[in-house]
Amino acid sequence: MRIKLILTAIAVTAIAAIAFSGIASAHHRGVKTRVSIQAESDGFFGYVKSKKVSCENNRKIAVFKQSGRKPNVRFDQKMFTDTSSASGDRYQWDTGNSGYFPGSFYAHAFRKGHCRPANSRTVRMPVPEM
């Protein structure tokens, strides 16, 4: 009887440890973030979206010129940076009048505390016609 009680206690402890480790690792992944990008004739702008305002406001955003088939912040050239700020009920970033550069570009929201990093879709700026 005593052995069954000890084995049951060990099993319950093991199950609880596994369950709580799953919860801890899920929390460790962070809060999901989305970032958008739109190209204008003189630069780029977009919005940061998340369930937590702390992940939207004051978020460092960089615009990268994509060199390969997929975005890769390690190898692509960083062109511009900005920090998101409130714009009505949304959080916007804007490179300002940064000029026209042909190529493919995407925005990257860097990790901030518990907020996950994120890439936007890629936008294309065509070579101007002469």
N, C-alpha and C. Protein backbone atom coordinates (compact mmCIF):
# COMPACT_ATOMS: atom_id res chain seq x y z
N MET A 1 0.82 -1.19 0.00
CA MET A 1 0.00 0.00 0.00
C MET A 1 0.86 1.25 0.00
N ARG A 2 1.88 1.26 0.84
CA ARG A 2 2.76 2.43 0.94
C ARG A 2 3.53 2.63 -0.37
N ILE A 3 3.94 1.54 -1.02
CA ILE A 3 4.67 1.64 -2.29
C ILE A 3 3.77 2.24 -3.38
N LYS A 4 2.51 1.84 -3.43
CA LYS A 4 1.57 2.42 -4.40
C LYS A 4 1.42 3.92 -4.18
N LEU A 5 1.36 4.32 -2.93
CA LEU A 5 1.23 5.74 -2.60
C LEU A 5 2.45 6.52 -3.07
N ILE A 6 3.64 5.97 -2.84
CA ILE A 6 4.88 6.62 -3.26
C ILE A 6 4.95 6.69 -4.79
N LEU A 7 4.62 5.61 -5.48
CA LEU A 7 4.65 5.60 -6.95
C LEU A 7 3.63 6.58 -7.53
N THR A 8 2.47 6.67 -6.91
CA THR A 8 1.46 7.64 -7.36
C THR A 8 1.96 9.07 -7.17
N ALA A 9 2.59 9.34 -6.05
CA ALA A 9 3.14 10.68 -5.80
C ALA A 9 4.22 11.03 -6.81
N ILE A 10 5.08 10.07 -7.14
CA ILE A 10 6.14 10.30 -8.14
C ILE A 10 5.51 10.56 -9.51
N ALA A 11 4.49 9.77 -9.88
CA ALA A 11 3.84 9.95 -11.17
C ALA A 11 3.17 11.31 -11.26
N VAL A 12 2.48 11.73 -10.22
CA VAL A 12 1.82 13.03 -10.21
C VAL A 12 2.84 14.16 -10.32
N THR A 13 3.95 14.03 -9.60
CA THR A 13 5.01 15.04 -9.66
C THR A 13 5.59 15.12 -11.07
N ALA A 14 5.84 13.98 -11.70
CA ALA A 14 6.40 13.97 -13.06
C ALA A 14 5.44 14.60 -14.06
N ILE A 15 4.17 14.27 -13.96
CA ILE A 15 3.17 14.83 -14.87
C ILE A 15 3.07 16.35 -14.68
N ALA A 16 3.07 16.80 -13.44
CA ALA A 16 3.00 18.24 -13.17
C ALA A 16 4.24 18.95 -13.72
N ALA A 17 5.40 18.36 -13.57
CA ALA A 17 6.63 18.97 -14.08
C ALA A 17 6.59 19.10 -15.60
N ILE A 18 6.10 18.08 -16.27
CA ILE A 18 5.99 18.13 -17.73
C ILE A 18 4.97 19.18 -18.16
N ALA A 19 3.84 19.23 -17.49
CA ALA A 19 2.80 20.21 -17.84
C ALA A 19 3.29 21.63 -17.64
N PHE A 20 3.94 21.91 -16.51
CA PHE A 20 4.41 23.28 -16.25
C PHE A 20 5.57 23.66 -17.14
N SER A 21 6.40 22.72 -17.55
CA SER A 21 7.49 23.06 -18.47
C SER A 21 6.94 23.45 -19.83
N GLY A 22 5.84 22.83 -20.24
CA GLY A 22 5.19 23.21 -21.50
C GLY A 22 4.62 24.61 -21.44
N ILE A 23 4.03 24.96 -20.32
CA ILE A 23 3.49 26.31 -20.14
C ILE A 23 4.61 27.33 -20.12
N ALA A 24 5.69 27.02 -19.45
CA ALA A 24 6.82 27.95 -19.37
C ALA A 24 7.45 28.16 -20.74
N SER A 25 7.60 27.10 -21.52
CA SER A 25 8.21 27.27 -22.84
C SER A 25 7.28 28.03 -23.78
N ALA A 26 5.96 27.84 -23.63
CA ALA A 26 5.02 28.60 -24.46
C ALA A 26 5.10 30.08 -24.13
N HIS A 27 5.24 30.41 -22.87
CA HIS A 27 5.36 31.80 -22.46
C HIS A 27 6.68 32.39 -22.94
N HIS A 28 7.71 31.60 -22.97
CA HIS A 28 9.04 32.06 -23.36
C HIS A 28 9.10 32.49 -24.83
N ARG A 29 8.22 31.92 -25.66
CA ARG A 29 8.25 32.27 -27.09
C ARG A 29 7.90 33.73 -27.32
N GLY A 30 7.13 34.32 -26.46
CA GLY A 30 6.82 35.74 -26.58
C GLY A 30 5.50 36.02 -27.26
N VAL A 31 5.20 37.31 -27.31
CA VAL A 31 3.94 37.79 -27.87
C VAL A 31 4.11 37.99 -29.38
N LYS A 32 3.18 37.47 -30.15
CA LYS A 32 3.23 37.57 -31.61
C LYS A 32 3.08 39.03 -32.05
N THR A 33 3.83 39.39 -33.07
CA THR A 33 3.81 40.73 -33.64
C THR A 33 3.69 40.62 -35.14
N ARG A 34 2.98 41.58 -35.74
CA ARG A 34 2.93 41.68 -37.20
C ARG A 34 3.39 43.07 -37.58
N VAL A 35 4.08 43.17 -38.70
CA VAL A 35 4.52 44.47 -39.19
C VAL A 35 4.16 44.55 -40.67
N SER A 36 3.68 45.72 -41.09
CA SER A 36 3.32 45.91 -42.50
C SER A 36 4.27 46.90 -43.13
N ILE A 37 4.29 46.91 -44.46
CA ILE A 37 5.12 47.87 -45.20
C ILE A 37 4.35 48.33 -46.43
N GLN A 38 4.48 49.61 -46.73
CA GLN A 38 3.94 50.17 -47.96
C GLN A 38 5.00 51.07 -48.55
N ALA A 39 5.19 50.96 -49.86
CA ALA A 39 6.17 51.78 -50.56
C ALA A 39 5.50 53.02 -51.12
N GLU A 40 6.16 54.14 -50.95
CA GLU A 40 5.73 55.40 -51.54
C GLU A 40 6.82 55.83 -52.52
N SER A 41 6.57 56.88 -53.26
CA SER A 41 7.56 57.35 -54.23
C SER A 41 8.83 57.85 -53.55
N ASP A 42 8.74 58.23 -52.29
CA ASP A 42 9.92 58.79 -51.62
C ASP A 42 10.32 58.05 -50.35
N GLY A 43 9.79 56.85 -50.11
CA GLY A 43 10.17 56.10 -48.92
C GLY A 43 9.18 55.01 -48.57
N PHE A 44 9.19 54.61 -47.30
CA PHE A 44 8.37 53.50 -46.83
C PHE A 44 7.68 53.88 -45.53
N PHE A 45 6.53 53.25 -45.28
CA PHE A 45 5.87 53.37 -44.00
C PHE A 45 5.07 52.10 -43.75
N GLY A 46 4.61 51.94 -42.52
CA GLY A 46 3.82 50.77 -42.18
C GLY A 46 3.35 50.84 -40.75
N TYR A 47 2.76 49.75 -40.29
CA TYR A 47 2.19 49.68 -38.95
C TYR A 47 2.68 48.43 -38.22
N VAL A 48 2.71 48.53 -36.90
CA VAL A 48 3.04 47.39 -36.04
C VAL A 48 1.77 46.99 -35.32
N LYS A 49 1.46 45.69 -35.32
CA LYS A 49 0.22 45.19 -34.72
C LYS A 49 0.56 44.04 -33.78
N SER A 50 -0.03 44.08 -32.58
CA SER A 50 0.15 43.03 -31.59
C SER A 50 -1.00 43.09 -30.60
N LYS A 51 -1.18 42.03 -29.83
CA LYS A 51 -2.20 42.03 -28.78
C LYS A 51 -1.80 42.90 -27.60
N LYS A 52 -0.50 43.17 -27.46
CA LYS A 52 0.00 43.99 -26.36
C LYS A 52 0.48 45.34 -26.89
N VAL A 53 -0.01 46.42 -26.32
CA VAL A 53 0.41 47.77 -26.74
C VAL A 53 1.92 47.93 -26.55
N SER A 54 2.47 47.30 -25.53
CA SER A 54 3.92 47.42 -25.29
C SER A 54 4.73 46.81 -26.43
N CYS A 55 4.11 45.94 -27.23
CA CYS A 55 4.79 45.36 -28.39
C CYS A 55 4.59 46.19 -29.66
N GLU A 56 3.68 47.16 -29.62
CA GLU A 56 3.41 48.01 -30.77
C GLU A 56 4.13 49.36 -30.66
N ASN A 57 4.08 49.96 -29.50
CA ASN A 57 4.63 51.29 -29.30
C ASN A 57 6.14 51.25 -29.06
N ASN A 58 6.83 52.25 -29.62
CA ASN A 58 8.28 52.39 -29.41
C ASN A 58 9.05 51.15 -29.87
N ARG A 59 8.64 50.61 -31.00
CA ARG A 59 9.26 49.38 -31.54
C ARG A 59 10.24 49.76 -32.64
N LYS A 60 11.45 49.25 -32.57
CA LYS A 60 12.47 49.54 -33.58
C LYS A 60 12.16 48.74 -34.84
N ILE A 61 12.06 49.45 -35.96
CA ILE A 61 11.75 48.86 -37.26
C ILE A 61 12.89 49.19 -38.22
N ALA A 62 13.30 48.22 -39.00
CA ALA A 62 14.32 48.45 -40.04
C ALA A 62 13.75 48.00 -41.38
N VAL A 63 14.09 48.73 -42.43
CA VAL A 63 13.73 48.34 -43.79
C VAL A 63 14.99 47.77 -44.42
N PHE A 64 14.86 46.54 -44.92
CA PHE A 64 15.98 45.83 -45.55
C PHE A 64 15.74 45.71 -47.04
N LYS A 65 16.82 45.80 -47.82
CA LYS A 65 16.76 45.51 -49.25
C LYS A 65 17.04 44.02 -49.40
N GLN A 66 16.06 43.30 -49.92
CA GLN A 66 16.15 41.85 -50.02
C GLN A 66 17.09 41.46 -51.15
N SER A 67 18.07 40.61 -50.85
CA SER A 67 19.05 40.21 -51.88
C SER A 67 18.78 38.82 -52.42
N GLY A 68 18.11 37.97 -51.67
CA GLY A 68 17.81 36.61 -52.13
C GLY A 68 16.34 36.42 -52.39
N ARG A 69 15.93 35.15 -52.45
CA ARG A 69 14.53 34.85 -52.72
C ARG A 69 13.64 35.08 -51.51
N LYS A 70 14.23 34.99 -50.30
CA LYS A 70 13.46 35.17 -49.07
C LYS A 70 14.15 36.20 -48.19
N PRO A 71 13.39 36.88 -47.33
CA PRO A 71 14.00 37.83 -46.40
C PRO A 71 14.97 37.13 -45.44
N ASN A 72 16.11 37.76 -45.21
CA ASN A 72 17.09 37.23 -44.27
C ASN A 72 17.85 38.40 -43.65
N VAL A 73 17.50 38.77 -42.42
CA VAL A 73 18.09 39.96 -41.80
C VAL A 73 19.59 39.82 -41.57
N ARG A 74 20.11 38.61 -41.58
CA ARG A 74 21.56 38.43 -41.40
C ARG A 74 22.36 38.84 -42.63
N PHE A 75 21.77 38.66 -43.82
CA PHE A 75 22.52 38.90 -45.05
C PHE A 75 22.02 40.09 -45.87
N ASP A 76 20.77 40.47 -45.69
CA ASP A 76 20.22 41.57 -46.48
C ASP A 76 20.74 42.91 -45.95
N GLN A 77 20.76 43.90 -46.83
CA GLN A 77 21.30 45.23 -46.48
C GLN A 77 20.25 46.06 -45.75
N LYS A 78 20.60 46.54 -44.56
CA LYS A 78 19.70 47.43 -43.81
C LYS A 78 19.77 48.81 -44.45
N MET A 79 18.62 49.34 -44.85
CA MET A 79 18.57 50.61 -45.56
C MET A 79 18.14 51.77 -44.65
N PHE A 80 17.07 51.56 -43.86
CA PHE A 80 16.50 52.62 -43.05
C PHE A 80 16.02 52.06 -41.72
N THR A 81 15.93 52.92 -40.71
CA THR A 81 15.35 52.51 -39.42
C THR A 81 14.41 53.59 -38.93
N ASP A 82 13.47 53.19 -38.11
CA ASP A 82 12.55 54.11 -37.47
C ASP A 82 12.00 53.41 -36.22
N THR A 83 11.30 54.17 -35.40
CA THR A 83 10.66 53.63 -34.21
C THR A 83 9.17 53.92 -34.31
N SER A 84 8.36 52.93 -34.03
CA SER A 84 6.91 53.10 -34.14
C SER A 84 6.39 54.01 -33.04
N SER A 85 5.32 54.74 -33.37
CA SER A 85 4.67 55.62 -32.40
C SER A 85 3.18 55.67 -32.71
N ALA A 86 2.42 56.13 -31.75
CA ALA A 86 0.96 56.18 -31.88
C ALA A 86 0.55 57.10 -33.02
N SER A 87 -0.41 56.62 -33.81
CA SER A 87 -1.01 57.40 -34.89
C SER A 87 -2.50 57.06 -34.88
N GLY A 88 -3.26 57.85 -34.14
CA GLY A 88 -4.66 57.49 -33.91
C GLY A 88 -4.72 56.29 -32.98
N ASP A 89 -5.43 55.26 -33.39
CA ASP A 89 -5.51 54.05 -32.56
C ASP A 89 -4.55 52.96 -33.05
N ARG A 90 -3.61 53.33 -33.92
CA ARG A 90 -2.62 52.38 -34.45
C ARG A 90 -1.22 52.88 -34.15
N TYR A 91 -0.22 52.05 -34.44
CA TYR A 91 1.18 52.40 -34.19
C TYR A 91 1.94 52.33 -35.51
N GLN A 92 2.40 53.49 -35.96
CA GLN A 92 2.98 53.63 -37.29
C GLN A 92 4.48 53.90 -37.21
N TRP A 93 5.18 53.46 -38.24
CA TRP A 93 6.58 53.82 -38.46
C TRP A 93 6.65 54.41 -39.87
N ASP A 94 7.65 55.27 -40.11
CA ASP A 94 7.77 55.96 -41.40
C ASP A 94 9.22 56.36 -41.61
N THR A 95 9.79 56.02 -42.76
CA THR A 95 11.18 56.39 -43.04
C THR A 95 11.31 57.84 -43.48
N GLY A 96 10.19 58.52 -43.69
CA GLY A 96 10.25 59.90 -44.15
C GLY A 96 10.65 59.98 -45.61
N ASN A 97 11.18 61.10 -46.02
CA ASN A 97 11.60 61.31 -47.40
C ASN A 97 13.00 60.71 -47.58
N SER A 98 13.04 59.40 -47.75
CA SER A 98 14.32 58.70 -47.83
C SER A 98 14.80 58.48 -49.26
N GLY A 99 14.00 58.88 -50.23
CA GLY A 99 14.41 58.74 -51.62
C GLY A 99 13.86 57.50 -52.27
N TYR A 100 14.10 57.38 -53.57
CA TYR A 100 13.59 56.25 -54.35
C TYR A 100 14.73 55.27 -54.63
N PHE A 101 14.54 54.03 -54.26
CA PHE A 101 15.52 52.98 -54.49
C PHE A 101 14.82 51.79 -55.13
N PRO A 102 15.19 51.42 -56.35
CA PRO A 102 14.57 50.24 -56.95
C PRO A 102 15.04 48.96 -56.27
N GLY A 103 14.16 47.96 -56.23
CA GLY A 103 14.50 46.66 -55.65
C GLY A 103 13.35 46.12 -54.82
N SER A 104 13.64 45.05 -54.08
CA SER A 104 12.65 44.41 -53.21
C SER A 104 13.00 44.73 -51.76
N PHE A 105 12.00 45.10 -50.98
CA PHE A 105 12.21 45.56 -49.61
C PHE A 105 11.21 44.93 -48.66
N TYR A 106 11.61 44.80 -47.40
CA TYR A 106 10.70 44.35 -46.35
C TYR A 106 11.05 45.06 -45.05
N ALA A 107 10.07 45.13 -44.17
CA ALA A 107 10.28 45.73 -42.85
C ALA A 107 10.50 44.61 -41.84
N HIS A 108 11.35 44.89 -40.86
CA HIS A 108 11.62 43.92 -39.79
C HIS A 108 11.43 44.61 -38.44
N ALA A 109 10.57 44.05 -37.60
CA ALA A 109 10.40 44.53 -36.23
C ALA A 109 11.32 43.68 -35.36
N PHE A 110 12.27 44.32 -34.70
CA PHE A 110 13.22 43.60 -33.87
C PHE A 110 12.56 43.12 -32.59
N ARG A 111 13.12 42.06 -32.01
CA ARG A 111 12.64 41.55 -30.71
C ARG A 111 12.74 42.67 -29.68
N LYS A 112 11.71 42.77 -28.85
CA LYS A 112 11.69 43.77 -27.78
C LYS A 112 11.13 43.10 -26.54
N GLY A 113 11.98 42.80 -25.58
CA GLY A 113 11.52 42.14 -24.36
C GLY A 113 10.80 40.86 -24.65
N HIS A 114 9.51 40.79 -24.29
CA HIS A 114 8.70 39.59 -24.50
C HIS A 114 8.01 39.57 -25.86
N CYS A 115 8.31 40.53 -26.73
CA CYS A 115 7.66 40.63 -28.04
C CYS A 115 8.51 39.95 -29.11
N ARG A 116 7.88 39.10 -29.89
CA ARG A 116 8.59 38.38 -30.96
C ARG A 116 9.01 39.31 -32.08
N PRO A 117 10.10 38.98 -32.78
CA PRO A 117 10.44 39.72 -33.99
C PRO A 117 9.48 39.33 -35.12
N ALA A 118 9.42 40.16 -36.16
CA ALA A 118 8.52 39.87 -37.28
C ALA A 118 9.02 40.52 -38.55
N ASN A 119 8.74 39.89 -39.68
CA ASN A 119 9.01 40.45 -41.01
C ASN A 119 7.69 40.75 -41.70
N SER A 120 7.69 41.81 -42.49
CA SER A 120 6.53 42.12 -43.33
C SER A 120 6.61 41.29 -44.60
N ARG A 121 5.63 41.46 -45.44
CA ARG A 121 5.70 40.91 -46.80
C ARG A 121 6.75 41.73 -47.56
N THR A 122 7.16 41.26 -48.69
CA THR A 122 8.14 41.99 -49.51
C THR A 122 7.40 42.86 -50.52
N VAL A 123 7.86 44.11 -50.66
CA VAL A 123 7.30 45.02 -51.67
C VAL A 123 8.38 45.33 -52.69
N ARG A 124 7.96 45.58 -53.90
CA ARG A 124 8.91 45.83 -54.98
C ARG A 124 8.80 47.27 -55.44
N MET A 125 9.95 47.91 -55.56
CA MET A 125 10.04 49.27 -56.13
C MET A 125 10.68 49.09 -57.51
N PRO A 126 9.93 49.30 -58.58
CA PRO A 126 10.47 49.06 -59.92
C PRO A 126 11.52 50.12 -60.30
N VAL A 127 12.35 49.75 -61.27
CA VAL A 127 13.32 50.71 -61.82
C VAL A 127 12.51 51.76 -62.59
N PRO A 128 12.76 53.06 -62.34
CA PRO A 128 11.98 54.09 -63.04
C PRO A 128 12.21 54.05 -64.55
N GLU A 129 11.12 54.28 -65.27
CA GLU A 129 11.22 54.31 -66.74
C GLU A 129 11.77 55.65 -67.18
N MET A 130 12.58 55.63 -68.19
CA MET A 130 13.19 56.87 -68.72
C MET A 130 12.47 57.32 -69.93
